Protein backbone atom coordinates (compact mmCIF):
# COMPACT_ATOMS: atom_id res chain seq x y z
CA MET A 1 12.91 8.71 -36.43
CA PRO A 2 13.45 12.21 -34.95
CA THR A 3 17.07 13.30 -34.83
CA ALA A 4 18.54 15.12 -31.85
CA LYS A 5 20.74 18.16 -32.21
CA LYS A 6 23.53 19.19 -29.90
CA LEU A 7 23.03 22.51 -28.15
CA PRO A 8 25.86 24.97 -27.32
CA SER A 9 25.52 23.90 -23.69
CA GLY A 10 26.40 20.33 -24.63
CA SER A 11 22.87 19.00 -24.06
CA TRP A 12 20.87 17.20 -26.74
CA ARG A 13 17.48 18.42 -27.96
CA CYS A 14 15.04 16.59 -30.18
CA GLN A 15 11.88 18.27 -31.49
CA VAL A 16 8.68 16.58 -32.68
CA TYR A 17 5.66 18.15 -34.34
CA SER A 18 2.76 18.28 -31.91
CA HIS A 19 -0.13 20.19 -33.48
CA THR A 20 -1.10 23.33 -35.35
CA GLU A 21 -2.60 26.37 -33.64
CA GLU A 22 -4.68 29.03 -35.37
CA ILE A 23 -3.67 32.56 -34.44
CA ILE A 24 -5.95 35.48 -35.29
CA GLN A 25 -4.02 38.41 -36.77
CA PRO A 26 -4.89 42.10 -36.14
CA ASP A 27 -6.43 42.30 -39.58
CA GLY A 28 -8.69 39.31 -38.87
CA ARG A 29 -6.76 36.82 -40.91
CA ILE A 30 -5.98 33.40 -39.40
CA LYS A 31 -2.38 32.31 -39.31
CA LYS A 32 -1.55 28.67 -38.70
CA LYS A 33 1.43 28.00 -36.43
CA ARG A 34 3.09 24.61 -36.10
CA ILE A 35 3.79 23.69 -32.47
CA TYR A 36 6.69 21.39 -31.59
CA LYS A 37 7.51 19.55 -28.39
CA SER A 38 11.12 19.51 -27.28
CA PHE A 39 12.85 16.66 -25.48
CA THR A 40 16.18 17.38 -23.87
CA SER A 41 18.89 15.23 -22.33
CA ASP A 42 21.72 16.74 -20.31
CA ILE A 43 23.84 13.59 -20.60
CA PRO A 44 26.82 14.27 -22.90
CA GLY A 45 27.87 12.04 -25.76
CA PRO A 46 25.96 9.45 -27.81
CA LYS A 47 24.02 8.21 -24.79
CA GLY A 48 22.37 11.61 -24.27
CA LYS A 49 21.52 11.81 -27.95
CA ARG A 50 19.85 8.38 -27.83
CA ILE A 51 17.82 9.30 -24.74
CA ALA A 52 16.50 12.52 -26.31
CA GLU A 53 15.60 10.68 -29.51
CA GLN A 54 13.94 7.87 -27.57
CA MET A 55 11.70 10.29 -25.68
CA ALA A 56 10.80 12.06 -28.91
CA THR A 57 10.07 8.80 -30.72
CA GLU A 58 7.81 7.57 -27.93
CA TYR A 59 5.91 10.83 -27.98
CA ALA A 60 5.51 10.72 -31.76
CA ALA A 61 4.18 7.17 -31.58
CA ASN A 62 1.59 8.14 -28.99
CA LYS A 63 0.86 11.67 -30.13
CA GLU A 64 -2.88 11.05 -30.42
CA ILE A 65 -3.04 9.94 -26.80
CA TYR A 66 -1.07 12.93 -25.54
CA GLY A 67 -3.11 15.24 -27.75
CA ARG A 68 -6.22 14.37 -25.71
CA GLY A 69 -4.82 16.19 -22.69
CA THR A 70 -3.12 13.33 -20.90
CA ASP A 71 0.36 14.82 -21.27
CA ILE A 72 0.34 15.89 -17.64
CA SER A 73 2.85 15.70 -14.85
CA LEU A 74 3.34 12.47 -12.94
CA GLY A 75 1.98 14.13 -9.81
CA GLU A 76 -1.22 15.15 -11.60
CA ALA A 77 -1.54 11.68 -13.10
CA VAL A 78 -1.22 10.06 -9.67
CA ASP A 79 -3.84 12.43 -8.26
CA GLN A 80 -6.25 11.49 -11.04
CA TYR A 81 -5.46 7.80 -10.63
CA ILE A 82 -6.27 7.94 -6.90
CA GLN A 83 -9.41 10.04 -7.38
CA ASN A 84 -10.81 7.67 -10.02
CA ARG A 85 -10.42 4.71 -7.65
CA GLU A 86 -11.52 6.12 -4.31
CA ALA A 87 -14.88 4.36 -4.59
CA VAL A 88 -13.41 0.90 -5.16
CA LEU A 89 -10.11 0.81 -3.24
CA SER A 90 -9.93 0.30 0.50
CA PRO A 91 -9.53 3.44 2.66
CA ARG A 92 -6.19 2.11 3.86
CA THR A 93 -4.92 1.78 0.27
CA ILE A 94 -6.06 5.32 -0.52
CA VAL A 95 -4.21 6.62 2.55
CA ASP A 96 -1.06 4.74 1.52
CA TYR A 97 -1.26 6.04 -2.06
CA LYS A 98 -1.63 9.65 -0.88
CA ARG A 99 1.29 9.24 1.50
CA ILE A 100 3.45 7.95 -1.36
CA ARG A 101 2.27 10.81 -3.58
CA LYS A 102 3.15 13.40 -0.93
CA ASN A 103 6.52 12.04 0.13
CA ALA A 104 8.10 9.42 -2.12
CA LEU A 105 7.14 10.91 -5.49
CA LEU A 106 8.15 14.48 -4.72
CA PRO A 107 11.29 14.41 -6.95
CA LEU A 108 9.24 13.11 -9.90
CA SER A 109 5.92 14.88 -9.41
CA ASP A 110 6.60 17.82 -11.75
CA ILE A 111 8.00 15.74 -14.63
CA LYS A 112 5.65 15.38 -17.59
CA ILE A 113 4.47 11.83 -18.25
CA SER A 114 5.76 12.06 -21.82
CA ARG A 115 9.24 13.05 -20.62
CA LEU A 116 9.63 10.62 -17.76
CA THR A 117 12.50 8.21 -18.35
CA GLN A 118 13.67 4.97 -16.83
CA ALA A 119 16.68 6.86 -15.51
CA ASP A 120 14.39 9.30 -13.67
CA VAL A 121 12.53 6.46 -11.99
CA GLN A 122 15.70 4.53 -11.11
CA LYS A 123 17.30 7.62 -9.59
CA SER A 124 14.23 8.30 -7.47
CA VAL A 125 14.06 4.67 -6.32
CA ASN A 126 17.74 4.69 -5.37
CA LEU A 127 17.27 7.86 -3.33
CA TYR A 128 14.15 6.60 -1.56
CA ALA A 129 15.75 3.24 -0.76
CA GLN A 130 18.46 4.92 1.30
CA ASN A 131 16.15 5.35 4.29
CA HIS A 132 13.12 3.18 3.57
CA SER A 133 12.49 -0.55 3.68
CA PRO A 134 12.46 -2.65 0.49
CA LYS A 135 8.70 -3.20 0.90
CA THR A 136 8.03 0.54 1.11
CA VAL A 137 10.19 1.19 -1.95
CA ARG A 138 8.39 -1.54 -3.89
CA ASN A 139 5.01 -0.03 -2.95
CA MET A 140 6.18 3.33 -4.25
CA HIS A 141 7.39 1.80 -7.53
CA GLY A 142 4.18 -0.21 -7.86
CA LEU A 143 2.11 2.98 -7.82
CA ILE A 144 4.31 4.56 -10.50
CA SER A 145 3.97 1.44 -12.65
CA ALA A 146 0.18 1.38 -12.26
CA VAL A 147 -0.13 5.03 -13.27
CA LEU A 148 2.14 4.60 -16.28
CA ARG A 149 0.17 1.58 -17.48
CA GLN A 150 -2.85 3.85 -17.75
CA TYR A 151 -1.32 7.07 -19.04
CA ARG A 152 1.64 5.73 -21.00
CA PRO A 153 0.98 2.06 -21.80
CA ASP A 154 3.89 1.81 -24.23
CA PHE A 155 6.44 2.57 -21.50
CA THR A 156 7.46 -0.55 -19.57
CA LEU A 157 9.60 0.00 -16.50
CA ASN A 158 12.63 -2.19 -15.90
CA THR A 159 13.75 -0.77 -12.58
CA SER A 160 16.25 -2.47 -10.29
CA LEU A 161 14.54 -2.71 -6.92
CA PRO A 162 15.98 -3.55 -3.50
CA LYS A 163 15.79 -7.23 -2.63
CA LYS A 164 13.01 -8.37 -0.34
CA VAL A 165 14.03 -8.94 3.25
CA ARG A 166 12.58 -11.87 5.15
CA PRO A 167 11.07 -10.47 8.37
CA ASN A 168 12.72 -11.57 11.57
CA ILE A 169 9.61 -12.87 13.34
CA TYR A 170 9.91 -13.79 16.98
CA VAL A 171 7.93 -16.94 17.78
CA PRO A 172 7.12 -17.02 21.50
CA SER A 173 7.77 -20.24 23.37
CA ASP A 174 5.18 -22.48 24.99
CA GLU A 175 5.95 -21.03 28.41
CA GLU A 176 5.67 -17.44 27.16
CA ILE A 177 2.25 -18.10 25.58
CA GLN A 178 1.08 -19.70 28.80
CA ARG A 179 2.25 -16.68 30.82
CA LEU A 180 0.61 -14.23 28.41
CA ILE A 181 -2.84 -15.86 28.51
CA ALA A 182 -2.68 -16.19 32.28
CA TYR A 183 -1.65 -12.54 32.64
CA VAL A 184 -4.60 -11.14 30.62
CA SER A 185 -7.22 -13.47 32.14
CA GLY A 186 -10.33 -11.47 32.98
CA SER A 187 -9.11 -8.26 31.33
CA VAL A 188 -10.48 -6.42 28.30
CA MET A 189 -7.53 -7.74 26.27
CA GLU A 190 -8.21 -11.40 26.99
CA LEU A 191 -10.79 -11.92 24.24
CA PRO A 192 -8.83 -10.07 21.49
CA ILE A 193 -5.74 -12.16 22.30
CA LEU A 194 -7.71 -15.43 22.24
CA LEU A 195 -9.42 -14.47 18.97
CA ALA A 196 -6.02 -13.81 17.40
CA ALA A 197 -4.35 -16.93 18.78
CA PHE A 198 -7.16 -19.38 18.02
CA GLY A 199 -8.73 -17.88 14.86
CA PRO A 200 -6.69 -16.52 13.61
CA MET A 201 -8.10 -12.99 13.27
CA ARG A 202 -6.38 -9.69 12.56
CA ARG A 203 -6.70 -6.71 14.89
CA GLY A 204 -8.96 -4.76 12.52
CA GLU A 205 -11.25 -7.78 12.17
CA ILE A 206 -11.38 -8.20 15.95
CA SER A 207 -12.23 -4.53 16.49
CA ALA A 208 -15.03 -4.73 13.92
CA LEU A 209 -16.45 -8.06 15.13
CA ASP A 210 -20.11 -7.82 16.16
CA SER A 211 -22.24 -10.27 18.10
CA GLY A 212 -24.49 -10.51 15.04
CA ASP A 213 -21.60 -12.11 13.17
CA ILE A 214 -21.40 -15.00 15.63
CA THR A 215 -23.48 -18.18 15.60
CA GLY A 216 -22.65 -20.56 18.42
CA ASN A 217 -18.91 -21.14 18.22
CA VAL A 218 -18.62 -19.91 14.61
CA VAL A 219 -17.45 -16.39 13.78
CA HIS A 220 -18.23 -14.94 10.38
CA VAL A 221 -15.34 -12.60 9.57
CA CYS A 222 -17.02 -10.13 7.23
CA LYS A 223 -15.90 -6.71 8.49
CA ASN A 224 -12.67 -4.86 9.08
CA MET A 225 -11.89 -1.67 10.98
CA VAL A 226 -9.52 0.62 9.13
CA MET A 227 -8.48 4.27 9.32
CA ASP A 228 -9.62 6.46 6.44
CA GLN A 229 -7.82 9.45 4.93
CA ASN A 230 -9.32 11.72 7.61
CA ASN A 231 -7.75 9.61 10.39
CA VAL A 232 -11.16 8.28 11.41
CA TRP A 233 -11.70 4.60 12.21
CA ILE A 234 -14.42 3.12 9.99
CA ILE A 235 -15.85 -0.38 9.54
CA LYS A 236 -15.89 -1.79 6.02
CA GLN A 237 -16.01 -5.07 4.15
CA PRO A 238 -12.82 -7.16 3.86
CA LYS A 239 -10.27 -5.99 1.31
CA SER A 240 -10.28 -9.31 -0.55
CA TYR A 241 -12.68 -12.17 -1.22
CA ALA A 242 -10.51 -14.50 0.86
CA GLY A 243 -10.89 -12.12 3.82
CA ASP A 244 -14.57 -13.07 4.14
CA ARG A 245 -14.42 -16.39 5.97
CA TYR A 246 -15.83 -18.50 8.81
CA ILE A 247 -13.79 -19.55 11.86
CA HIS A 248 -14.77 -22.24 14.38
CA TYR A 249 -13.57 -21.47 17.90
CA PRO A 250 -13.24 -23.86 20.85
CA ASP A 251 -15.78 -23.72 23.67
CA PHE A 252 -13.29 -21.99 25.98
CA VAL A 253 -13.06 -18.98 23.65
CA ALA A 254 -16.78 -18.94 22.79
CA ALA A 255 -17.60 -18.72 26.50
CA LYS A 256 -15.80 -15.38 26.66
CA TRP A 257 -18.24 -13.61 24.31
CA GLN A 258 -21.42 -14.94 25.90
CA GLY A 259 -23.73 -12.11 26.95
CA ILE A 260 -21.98 -9.47 24.81
CA THR A 261 -24.26 -7.53 22.45
CA GLY A 262 -22.90 -5.37 19.69
CA ARG A 263 -19.16 -5.02 19.17
CA ILE A 264 -17.22 -7.78 20.89
CA THR A 265 -14.51 -5.35 22.01
CA PRO A 266 -14.60 -1.56 22.32
CA LEU A 267 -10.91 -1.34 21.43
CA ALA A 268 -9.73 0.14 18.13
CA PRO A 269 -6.81 -1.59 16.33
CA ASN A 270 -4.22 0.93 17.49
CA VAL A 271 -5.40 0.60 21.08
CA ILE A 272 -5.06 -3.18 20.87
CA THR A 273 -1.47 -2.79 19.69
CA ASP A 274 -0.56 -0.24 22.37
CA ARG A 275 -2.07 -2.30 25.17
CA PHE A 276 -0.53 -5.50 23.89
CA ASN A 277 2.94 -3.92 23.94
CA ARG A 278 2.42 -2.70 27.50
CA ILE A 279 1.18 -6.13 28.58
CA LEU A 280 4.30 -7.84 27.24
CA LYS A 281 6.49 -5.37 29.09
CA SER A 282 4.52 -5.63 32.35
CA ALA A 283 4.47 -9.42 32.17
CA GLY A 284 8.22 -9.54 31.59
CA LEU A 285 7.79 -11.14 28.15
CA PRO A 286 9.94 -10.49 25.05
CA HIS A 287 8.49 -8.07 22.53
CA PHE A 288 6.63 -9.52 19.54
CA ARG A 289 3.77 -8.28 17.39
CA PHE A 290 0.11 -8.87 18.13
CA HIS A 291 -0.08 -10.15 14.56
CA ASP A 292 2.40 -12.91 15.48
CA LEU A 293 -0.29 -14.56 17.60
CA ARG A 294 -1.72 -15.74 14.27
CA HIS A 295 1.38 -17.82 13.58
CA PRO A 296 0.36 -21.52 13.23
CA TYR A 297 3.02 -22.57 15.74
CA VAL A 298 1.68 -20.12 18.31
CA LYS A 299 -1.86 -21.29 17.64
CA SER A 300 -1.00 -24.94 18.29
CA THR A 301 1.05 -24.27 21.42
CA THR A 302 -1.64 -21.96 22.79
CA LYS A 303 -4.23 -24.68 22.46
CA LYS A 304 -1.83 -27.21 23.97
CA TYR A 305 -1.06 -25.10 27.02
CA LEU A 306 -4.65 -24.10 27.70
CA PHE A 307 -5.11 -27.69 28.87
CA PHE A 308 -2.68 -26.85 31.67
CA LEU A 309 -4.30 -23.47 32.37
CA VAL A 310 -7.84 -24.80 32.36
CA PRO A 311 -7.64 -28.61 32.58
CA THR A 312 -11.39 -29.09 32.67
CA ILE A 313 -12.00 -27.35 29.32
CA GLN A 314 -12.21 -29.55 26.24
CA LEU A 315 -10.68 -27.74 23.28
CA SER A 316 -11.67 -28.63 19.74
């Protein structure tokens, strides 16, 4: 096991043989020079010595891997990781990864993969958690873990992460659902709201829905509208296998898309959200997310109260 030495500054340095370089002398002779990698810890005392020796030992154990050019910075490794997966990951995931790379990983981006320590990662997580949600912090740590599994498989992170927070979801009452559906009746937002409340469908799925995906009262959810890394809305296949599904809608909802050819709604997901928020405010309703229309309780109460809104419609 490599042994660390204490420097005059108080830091600990541990050196490990890396490789041998051939240097051509002025007289044409070849001189072989042994190249060493240094691992330094600024922590004083035995703990700093152990950290330096641990980094050196890990490098020595994986020297063949690092010798193939993978001893790069974490930022470079993340860039390569994203680039190698752009063809298979969803555009939204790529956008999220690049945002994490640009913002969250800035303190770690210049650290070499071989020198990255658990302490480095924990410090960065602690700093990022000060002004970001637990979910965002976990996403950031998940990307680091995925990259390390590829470039440094021997290094297993054991980071303390912020506890998950249960979202405080507002479930609208029966009366509020009734008022909402009555308020949007006949407007361009009526069909998106009914598709979400009765499906349930997400906003991206609603925006991407085409008349060719509908047979009678059955909607085949097989597309999703997402924003790519160039901030352009594109239509793609669902992110997961479970996202491709069939939904049977009641006659009342199916009647709303009769005669429509092509996209069922011209609204992009962000427009649906913006208009939905304005509708709630104009209708005097409490704020809740468009996504909350998919809540099973909302779905059941919506169906229940449509009997009062349209008594002659038979809902299945």
